[in-house]
C-alpha atoms as a PDB file:
ATOM      1  CA  MET A   1     -27.702 -38.421 -31.088  1.00  0.00           C
ATOM      2  CA  ARG A   2     -25.962 -39.044 -33.896  1.00  0.00           C
ATOM      3  CA  GLY A   3     -25.118 -35.557 -35.208  1.00  0.00           C
ATOM      4  CA  PHE A   4     -24.251 -33.906 -32.128  1.00  0.00           C
ATOM      5  CA  LEU A   5     -21.716 -36.576 -30.820  1.00  0.00           C
ATOM      6  CA  PRO A   6     -18.295 -36.036 -32.880  1.00  0.00           C
ATOM      7  CA  GLU A   7     -17.381 -38.627 -35.420  1.00  0.00           C
ATOM      8  CA  ARG A   8     -15.729 -40.732 -33.092  1.00  0.00           C
ATOM      9  CA  TYR A   9     -18.619 -42.227 -31.153  1.00  0.00           C
ATOM     10  CA  ILE A  10     -20.663 -44.758 -33.750  1.00  0.00           C
ATOM     11  CA  VAL A  11     -24.192 -44.630 -32.547  1.00  0.00           C
ATOM     12  CA  GLY A  12     -26.707 -47.112 -33.511  1.00  0.00           C
ATOM     13  CA  PRO A  13     -28.749 -50.443 -32.415  1.00  0.00           C
ATOM     14  CA  ILE A  14     -26.716 -53.334 -31.117  1.00  0.00           C
ATOM     15  CA  PHE A  15     -26.221 -56.592 -29.562  1.00  0.00           C
ATOM     16  CA  ALA A  16     -23.227 -56.458 -27.112  1.00  0.00           C
ATOM     17  CA  VAL A  17     -21.441 -59.679 -27.143  1.00  0.00           C
ATOM     18  CA  ASP A  18     -18.935 -60.598 -24.737  1.00  0.00           C
ATOM     19  CA  ALA A  19     -15.543 -63.380 -24.837  1.00  0.00           C
ATOM     20  CA  GLU A  20     -17.820 -65.773 -23.148  1.00  0.00           C
ATOM     21  CA  GLY A  21     -20.426 -66.216 -25.966  1.00  0.00           C
ATOM     22  CA  ALA A  22     -22.600 -63.981 -23.820  1.00  0.00           C
ATOM     23  CA  THR A  23     -25.152 -61.712 -25.601  1.00  0.00           C
ATOM     24  CA  SER A  24     -27.492 -58.799 -23.892  1.00  0.00           C
ATOM     25  CA  GLU A  25     -30.645 -57.811 -25.218  1.00  0.00           C
ATOM     26  CA  GLN A  26     -31.334 -55.587 -28.640  1.00  0.00           C
ATOM     27  CA  ILE A  27     -30.040 -52.801 -27.418  1.00  0.00           C
ATOM     28  CA  ASP A  28     -32.302 -49.534 -29.666  1.00  0.00           C
ATOM     29  CA  VAL A  29     -29.484 -46.949 -29.420  1.00  0.00           C
ATOM     30  CA  ALA A  30     -25.954 -47.618 -28.593  1.00  0.00           C
ATOM     31  CA  VAL A  31     -22.670 -45.302 -28.264  1.00  0.00           C
ATOM     32  CA  TYR A  32     -19.734 -47.367 -29.357  1.00  0.00           C
ATOM     33  CA  ASP A  33     -16.379 -47.240 -30.135  1.00  0.00           C
ATOM     34  CA  ARG A  34     -14.905 -49.176 -32.929  1.00  0.00           C
ATOM     35  CA  GLN A  35     -10.771 -47.799 -32.781  1.00  0.00           C
ATOM     36  CA  TYR A  36     -10.159 -50.780 -30.262  1.00  0.00           C
ATOM     37  CA  SER A  37     -12.576 -53.749 -31.659  1.00  0.00           C
ATOM     38  CA  PRO A  38     -13.481 -55.284 -35.082  1.00  0.00           C
ATOM     39  CA  LEU A  39     -16.973 -55.493 -35.639  1.00  0.00           C
ATOM     40  CA  TRP A  40     -16.291 -59.403 -37.195  1.00  0.00           C
ATOM     41  CA  PHE A  41     -20.440 -60.776 -35.955  1.00  0.00           C
ATOM     42  CA  GLY A  42     -22.364 -59.510 -38.664  1.00  0.00           C
ATOM     43  CA  SER A  43     -26.073 -58.348 -37.574  1.00  0.00           C
ATOM     44  CA  GLN A  44     -29.044 -59.378 -36.834  1.00  0.00           C
ATOM     45  CA  ALA A  45     -32.320 -57.342 -37.698  1.00  0.00           C
ATOM     46  CA  GLY A  46     -30.487 -54.417 -38.597  1.00  0.00           C
ATOM     47  CA  ALA A  47     -28.286 -54.415 -34.995  1.00  0.00           C
ATOM     48  CA  ASP A  48     -24.515 -54.869 -35.327  1.00  0.00           C
ATOM     49  CA  PHE A  49     -22.883 -57.553 -33.067  1.00  0.00           C
ATOM     50  CA  VAL A  50     -20.435 -55.342 -31.011  1.00  0.00           C
ATOM     51  CA  PRO A  51     -18.010 -56.801 -28.352  1.00  0.00           C
ATOM     52  CA  VAL A  52     -19.152 -55.060 -24.971  1.00  0.00           C
ATOM     53  CA  GLU A  53     -15.355 -53.521 -24.499  1.00  0.00           C
ATOM     54  CA  ALA A  54     -16.435 -51.096 -27.425  1.00  0.00           C
ATOM     55  CA  VAL A  55     -19.480 -49.824 -25.841  1.00  0.00           C
ATOM     56  CA  TYR A  56     -19.477 -46.538 -24.133  1.00  0.00           C
ATOM     57  CA  ALA A  57     -23.626 -45.594 -23.502  1.00  0.00           C
ATOM     58  CA  VAL A  58     -26.517 -48.120 -24.083  1.00  0.00           C
ATOM     59  CA  PHE A  59     -30.740 -46.669 -24.211  1.00  0.00           C
ATOM     60  CA  GLU A  60     -33.798 -48.274 -24.869  1.00  0.00           C
ATOM     61  CA  VAL A  61     -37.035 -46.166 -27.143  1.00  0.00           C
ATOM     62  CA  LYS A  62     -40.319 -45.961 -25.915  1.00  0.00           C
ATOM     63  CA  PRO A  63     -43.004 -43.677 -26.493  1.00  0.00           C
ATOM     64  CA  THR A  64     -43.515 -42.429 -23.073  1.00  0.00           C
ATOM     65  CA  ILE A  65     -42.649 -42.648 -19.674  1.00  0.00           C
ATOM     66  CA  ASN A  66     -43.494 -44.862 -17.125  1.00  0.00           C
ATOM     67  CA  THR A  67     -43.104 -47.154 -14.540  1.00  0.00           C
ATOM     68  CA  THR A  68     -42.968 -50.693 -16.755  1.00  0.00           C
ATOM     69  CA  TYR A  69     -40.820 -48.884 -19.469  1.00  0.00           C
ATOM     70  CA  ILE A  70     -38.440 -47.912 -16.650  1.00  0.00           C
ATOM     71  CA  THR A  71     -38.069 -51.450 -15.472  1.00  0.00           C
ATOM     72  CA  ALA A  72     -37.545 -52.409 -19.263  1.00  0.00           C
ATOM     73  CA  ALA A  73     -35.014 -50.085 -19.646  1.00  0.00           C
ATOM     74  CA  ARG A  74     -33.390 -51.586 -16.375  1.00  0.00           C
ATOM     75  CA  GLN A  75     -33.394 -54.946 -17.621  1.00  0.00           C
ATOM     76  CA  LYS A  76     -31.586 -53.993 -21.499  1.00  0.00           C
ATOM     77  CA  VAL A  77     -28.808 -51.488 -19.729  1.00  0.00           C
ATOM     78  CA  ALA A  78     -28.442 -54.360 -16.945  1.00  0.00           C
ATOM     79  CA  SER A  79     -27.963 -57.336 -19.704  1.00  0.00           C
ATOM     80  CA  VAL A  80     -24.986 -55.558 -21.115  1.00  0.00           C
ATOM     81  CA  ARG A  81     -23.524 -54.724 -17.551  1.00  0.00           C
ATOM     82  CA  ARG A  82     -23.632 -58.332 -16.650  1.00  0.00           C
ATOM     83  CA  LEU A  83     -21.281 -59.398 -19.634  1.00  0.00           C
ATOM     84  CA  ARG A  84     -17.623 -59.607 -18.974  1.00  0.00           C
ATOM     85  CA  ARG A  85     -15.215 -57.359 -19.983  1.00  0.00           C
ATOM     86  CA  THR A  86     -11.522 -57.990 -21.189  1.00  0.00           C
ATOM     87  CA  SER A  87      -8.993 -55.529 -21.328  1.00  0.00           C
ATOM     88  CA  ALA A  88      -5.454 -55.364 -23.086  1.00  0.00           C
ATOM     89  CA  PRO A  89      -2.379 -53.138 -23.436  1.00  0.00           C
ATOM     90  CA  ILE A  90      -2.582 -50.029 -25.807  1.00  0.00           C
ATOM     91  CA  LYS A  91       0.965 -49.571 -27.646  1.00  0.00           C
ATOM     92  CA  HIS A  92       1.672 -46.548 -28.671  1.00  0.00           C
ATOM     93  CA  ALA A  93       4.863 -44.531 -29.945  1.00  0.00           C
ATOM     94  CA  GLY A  94       6.705 -44.260 -26.904  1.00  0.00           C
ATOM     95  CA  GLY A  95       5.378 -47.563 -25.057  1.00  0.00           C
ATOM     96  CA  SER A  96       2.647 -48.749 -24.531  1.00  0.00           C
ATOM     97  CA  TYR A  97      -0.533 -47.963 -21.670  1.00  0.00           C
ATOM     98  CA  SER A  98      -1.136 -50.671 -19.165  1.00  0.00           C
ATOM     99  CA  ALA A  99      -4.637 -52.585 -19.613  1.00  0.00           C
ATOM    100  CA  VAL A 100      -7.436 -50.653 -17.770  1.00  0.00           C
ATOM    101  CA  ASP A 101      -9.243 -52.288 -15.392  1.00  0.00           C
ATOM    102  CA  PRO A 102     -12.560 -53.014 -16.273  1.00  0.00           C
ATOM    103  CA  SER A 103     -14.929 -52.034 -13.703  1.00  0.00           C
ATOM    104  CA  ALA A 104     -13.209 -48.439 -13.925  1.00  0.00           C
ATOM    105  CA  LYS A 105     -15.398 -48.064 -17.255  1.00  0.00           C
ATOM    106  CA  HIS A 106     -18.750 -47.528 -16.340  1.00  0.00           C
ATOM    107  CA  VAL A 107     -21.232 -48.516 -19.254  1.00  0.00           C
ATOM    108  CA  ILE A 108     -24.021 -45.511 -19.247  1.00  0.00           C
ATOM    109  CA  GLY A 109     -27.802 -46.150 -19.371  1.00  0.00           C
ATOM    110  CA  GLY A 110     -30.684 -44.527 -19.772  1.00  0.00           C
ATOM    111  CA  LEU A 111     -34.238 -44.356 -21.466  1.00  0.00           C
ATOM    112  CA  LEU A 112     -35.194 -42.018 -24.349  1.00  0.00           C
ATOM    113  CA  ALA A 113     -39.050 -41.128 -24.635  1.00  0.00           C
ATOM    114  CA  ALA A 114     -41.302 -38.700 -26.854  1.00  0.00           C
ATOM    115  CA  GLU A 115     -42.918 -37.508 -23.274  1.00  0.00           C
ATOM    116  CA  ALA A 116     -43.868 -38.932 -20.214  1.00  0.00           C
ATOM    117  CA  SER A 117     -47.177 -40.828 -19.498  1.00  0.00           C
ATOM    118  CA  TRP A 118     -47.844 -38.257 -15.968  1.00  0.00           C
ATOM    119  CA  VAL A 119     -49.942 -35.171 -16.025  1.00  0.00           C
ATOM    120  CA  ASP A 120     -47.432 -32.448 -15.684  1.00  0.00           C
ATOM    121  CA  ARG A 121     -43.628 -31.770 -14.995  1.00  0.00           C
ATOM    122  CA  LYS A 122     -44.579 -31.382 -11.462  1.00  0.00           C
ATOM    123  CA  ALA A 123     -45.989 -35.355 -11.738  1.00  0.00           C
ATOM    124  CA  THR A 124     -43.320 -36.562 -13.795  1.00  0.00           C
ATOM    125  CA  ILE A 125     -40.392 -35.223 -11.422  1.00  0.00           C
ATOM    126  CA  ALA A 126     -41.955 -36.521  -8.361  1.00  0.00           C
ATOM    127  CA  LYS A 127     -42.602 -40.326  -9.990  1.00  0.00           C
ATOM    128  CA  LEU A 128     -39.133 -40.116 -11.405  1.00  0.00           C
ATOM    129  CA  LEU A 129     -38.297 -39.846  -7.782  1.00  0.00           C
ATOM    130  CA  GLU A 130     -39.832 -42.220  -6.533  1.00  0.00           C
ATOM    131  CA  HIS A 131     -39.381 -45.058  -9.473  1.00  0.00           C
ATOM    132  CA  LEU A 132     -35.217 -43.839 -10.471  1.00  0.00           C
ATOM    133  CA  PRO A 133     -33.369 -47.032  -9.173  1.00  0.00           C
ATOM    134  CA  ALA A 134     -30.391 -45.599  -6.716  1.00  0.00           C
ATOM    135  CA  VAL A 135     -27.142 -44.978  -8.644  1.00  0.00           C
ATOM    136  CA  GLY A 136     -24.301 -47.625  -8.855  1.00  0.00           C
ATOM    137  CA  LEU A 137     -26.439 -51.018  -9.540  1.00  0.00           C
ATOM    138  CA  VAL A 138     -26.308 -53.255 -12.224  1.00  0.00           C
ATOM    139  CA  ASP A 139     -29.711 -51.793 -13.638  1.00  0.00           C
ATOM    140  CA  SER A 140     -29.531 -47.993 -12.562  1.00  0.00           C
ATOM    141  CA  LEU A 141     -30.008 -45.598 -15.145  1.00  0.00           C
ATOM    142  CA  ASP A 142     -27.887 -42.315 -15.598  1.00  0.00           C
ATOM    143  CA  ILE A 143     -29.455 -40.287 -18.143  1.00  0.00           C
ATOM    144  CA  GLY A 144     -33.143 -39.870 -19.328  1.00  0.00           C
ATOM    145  CA  ILE A 145     -35.060 -37.912 -21.364  1.00  0.00           C
ATOM    146  CA  ALA A 146     -38.904 -37.037 -21.973  1.00  0.00           C
ATOM    147  CA  VAL A 147     -38.628 -34.692 -25.049  1.00  0.00           C
ATOM    148  CA  ASP A 148     -42.157 -32.725 -24.075  1.00  0.00           C
ATOM    149  CA  THR A 149     -41.138 -32.767 -20.154  1.00  0.00           C
ATOM    150  CA  VAL A 150     -38.035 -32.839 -18.763  1.00  0.00           C
ATOM    151  CA  ALA A 151     -34.529 -34.797 -18.785  1.00  0.00           C
ATOM    152  CA  PHE A 152     -32.991 -36.458 -15.272  1.00  0.00           C
ATOM    153  CA  ASP A 153     -29.439 -37.705 -15.435  1.00  0.00           C
ATOM    154  CA  TYR A 154     -27.038 -38.026 -11.974  1.00  0.00           C
ATOM    155  CA  THR A 155     -23.995 -36.975 -13.591  1.00  0.00           C
ATOM    156  CA  PRO A 156     -20.721 -37.209 -11.307  1.00  0.00           C
ATOM    157  CA  VAL A 157     -18.751 -33.809 -10.969  1.00  0.00           C
ATOM    158  CA  PRO A 158     -14.632 -35.425 -11.345  1.00  0.00           C
ATOM    159  CA  VAL A 159     -12.925 -34.823  -8.358  1.00  0.00           C
ATOM    160  CA  GLU A 160      -9.899 -34.851  -9.543  1.00  0.00           C
ATOM    161  CA  LEU A 161      -8.644 -37.027 -13.330  1.00  0.00           C
ATOM    162  CA  GLY A 162     -10.056 -40.607 -13.187  1.00  0.00           C
ATOM    163  CA  SER A 163     -12.484 -40.222 -10.259  1.00  0.00           C
ATOM    164  CA  ARG A 164     -16.245 -39.899  -9.897  1.00  0.00           C
ATOM    165  CA  GLU A 165     -17.324 -38.111  -6.556  1.00  0.00           C
ATOM    166  CA  ASP A 166     -19.226 -41.192  -4.642  1.00  0.00           C
ATOM    167  CA  ALA A 167     -22.664 -38.941  -3.896  1.00  0.00           C
ATOM    168  CA  ILE A 168     -23.835 -38.342  -7.411  1.00  0.00           C
ATOM    169  CA  PRO A 169     -27.517 -36.753  -7.174  1.00  0.00           C
ATOM    170  CA  LEU A 170     -30.280 -36.860  -9.401  1.00  0.00           C
ATOM    171  CA  GLN A 171     -30.707 -33.999 -11.471  1.00  0.00           C
ATOM    172  CA  PHE A 172     -33.681 -32.295 -13.509  1.00  0.00           C
ATOM    173  CA  SER A 173     -33.572 -29.884 -16.387  1.00  0.00           C
ATOM    174  CA  ALA A 174     -35.307 -26.775 -16.150  1.00  0.00           C
ATOM    175  CA  GLU A 175     -38.325 -25.883 -18.027  1.00  0.00           C
ATOM    176  CA  ASN A 176     -38.207 -26.214 -21.485  1.00  0.00           C
ATOM    177  CA  ASP A 177     -34.413 -26.473 -21.475  1.00  0.00           C
ATOM    178  CA  GLN A 178     -34.779 -30.740 -21.536  1.00  0.00           C
ATOM    179  CA  LEU A 179     -33.210 -31.140 -24.829  1.00  0.00           C
ATOM    180  CA  ILE A 180     -29.936 -28.550 -24.461  1.00  0.00           C
ATOM    181  CA  HIS A 181     -29.281 -30.041 -20.950  1.00  0.00           C
ATOM    182  CA  PHE A 182     -29.859 -33.859 -22.259  1.00  0.00           C
ATOM    183  CA  GLY A 183     -27.198 -33.131 -24.684  1.00  0.00           C
ATOM    184  CA  ILE A 184     -24.891 -31.342 -22.849  1.00  0.00           C
ATOM    185  CA  ARG A 185     -24.701 -33.939 -19.373  1.00  0.00           C
ATOM    186  CA  LEU A 186     -24.534 -36.751 -21.925  1.00  0.00           C
ATOM    187  CA  PHE A 187     -21.764 -35.134 -22.854  1.00  0.00           C
ATOM    188  CA  ARG A 188     -20.364 -34.811 -19.753  1.00  0.00           C
ATOM    189  CA  GLN A 189     -20.454 -38.567 -19.060  1.00  0.00           C
ATOM    190  CA  LEU A 190     -18.571 -39.364 -22.018  1.00  0.00           C
ATOM    191  CA  GLN A 191     -15.975 -37.248 -21.566  1.00  0.00           C
ATOM    192  CA  GLN A 192     -15.332 -38.108 -18.044  1.00  0.00           C
ATOM    193  CA  LEU A 193     -14.670 -41.941 -19.930  1.00  0.00           C
ATOM    194  CA  GLY A 194     -12.528 -41.071 -22.639  1.00  0.00           C
ATOM    195  CA  THR A 195     -12.008 -44.048 -24.621  1.00  0.00           C
ATOM    196  CA  VAL A 196     -13.633 -47.621 -24.432  1.00  0.00           C
ATOM    197  CA  LEU A 197     -11.597 -50.293 -23.438  1.00  0.00           C
ATOM    198  CA  ALA A 198      -9.103 -52.067 -25.450  1.00  0.00           C
ATOM    199  CA  ILE A 199     -10.135 -55.079 -26.466  1.00  0.00           C
ATOM    200  CA  ASP A 200      -8.484 -58.589 -25.570  1.00  0.00           C
ATOM    201  CA  MET A 201      -8.337 -60.210 -28.413  1.00  0.00           C
ATOM    202  CA  SER A 202      -6.830 -63.788 -26.485  1.00  0.00           C
ATOM    203  CA  ALA A 203      -9.628 -64.221 -24.690  1.00  0.00           C
ATOM    204  CA  TYR A 204     -11.529 -63.901 -27.953  1.00  0.00           C
ATOM    205  CA  GLU A 205      -9.696 -66.597 -29.574  1.00  0.00           C
ATOM    206  CA  THR A 206      -9.451 -68.512 -26.600  1.00  0.00           C
ATOM    207  CA  ALA A 207     -13.408 -68.580 -26.557  1.00  0.00           C
ATOM    208  CA  LEU A 208     -13.596 -69.602 -29.842  1.00  0.00           C
ATOM    209  CA  ALA A 209     -11.219 -72.067 -29.845  1.00  0.00           C
ATOM    210  CA  ARG A 210     -13.553 -74.416 -27.662  1.00  0.00           C
ATOM    211  CA  GLU A 211     -16.535 -74.288 -30.080  1.00  0.00           C
END
């Protein structure tokens, strides 16, 4: 993933944190951005502590996709999405852009695995249709892949700049196209997010002062 995505994206394991001092579960693979968010929290067990405002996407990594690991991935994704995100205006040469509503910046959630635990592609798709949560929930999964079998995604089609269609269908890769399907759909989802939120440093400063 690090080799595929443009250099603006940082890829690695993290703990996401917010201005209230809350921390997510350890995230196996996150896609994040340092443009507006300093990483001053340090690291633990090889994972950086990253302000949640800087996070584009979070993934659980497992050896296989099965119902147990789908549940685990949902919990990890929800632990990031439940954190409180701040937002600040962005200065530019001609003035400033207003602060963005954090709810408008979706955090992509997904599951990465080498294989699926079901007997074949047809059975895997049937089980994913049965067990993947509906899109739009705090623990929804937007994208995932079993490298040997199939990729899945809920990729919104932009209706107009800054909007997402209401009904987002669950889609699956064509046979033997799972890697390229996953890469293209992940990049499309990242493109639609634009740039991450600019962190409101005053909110973090207030929290630190309370401590």
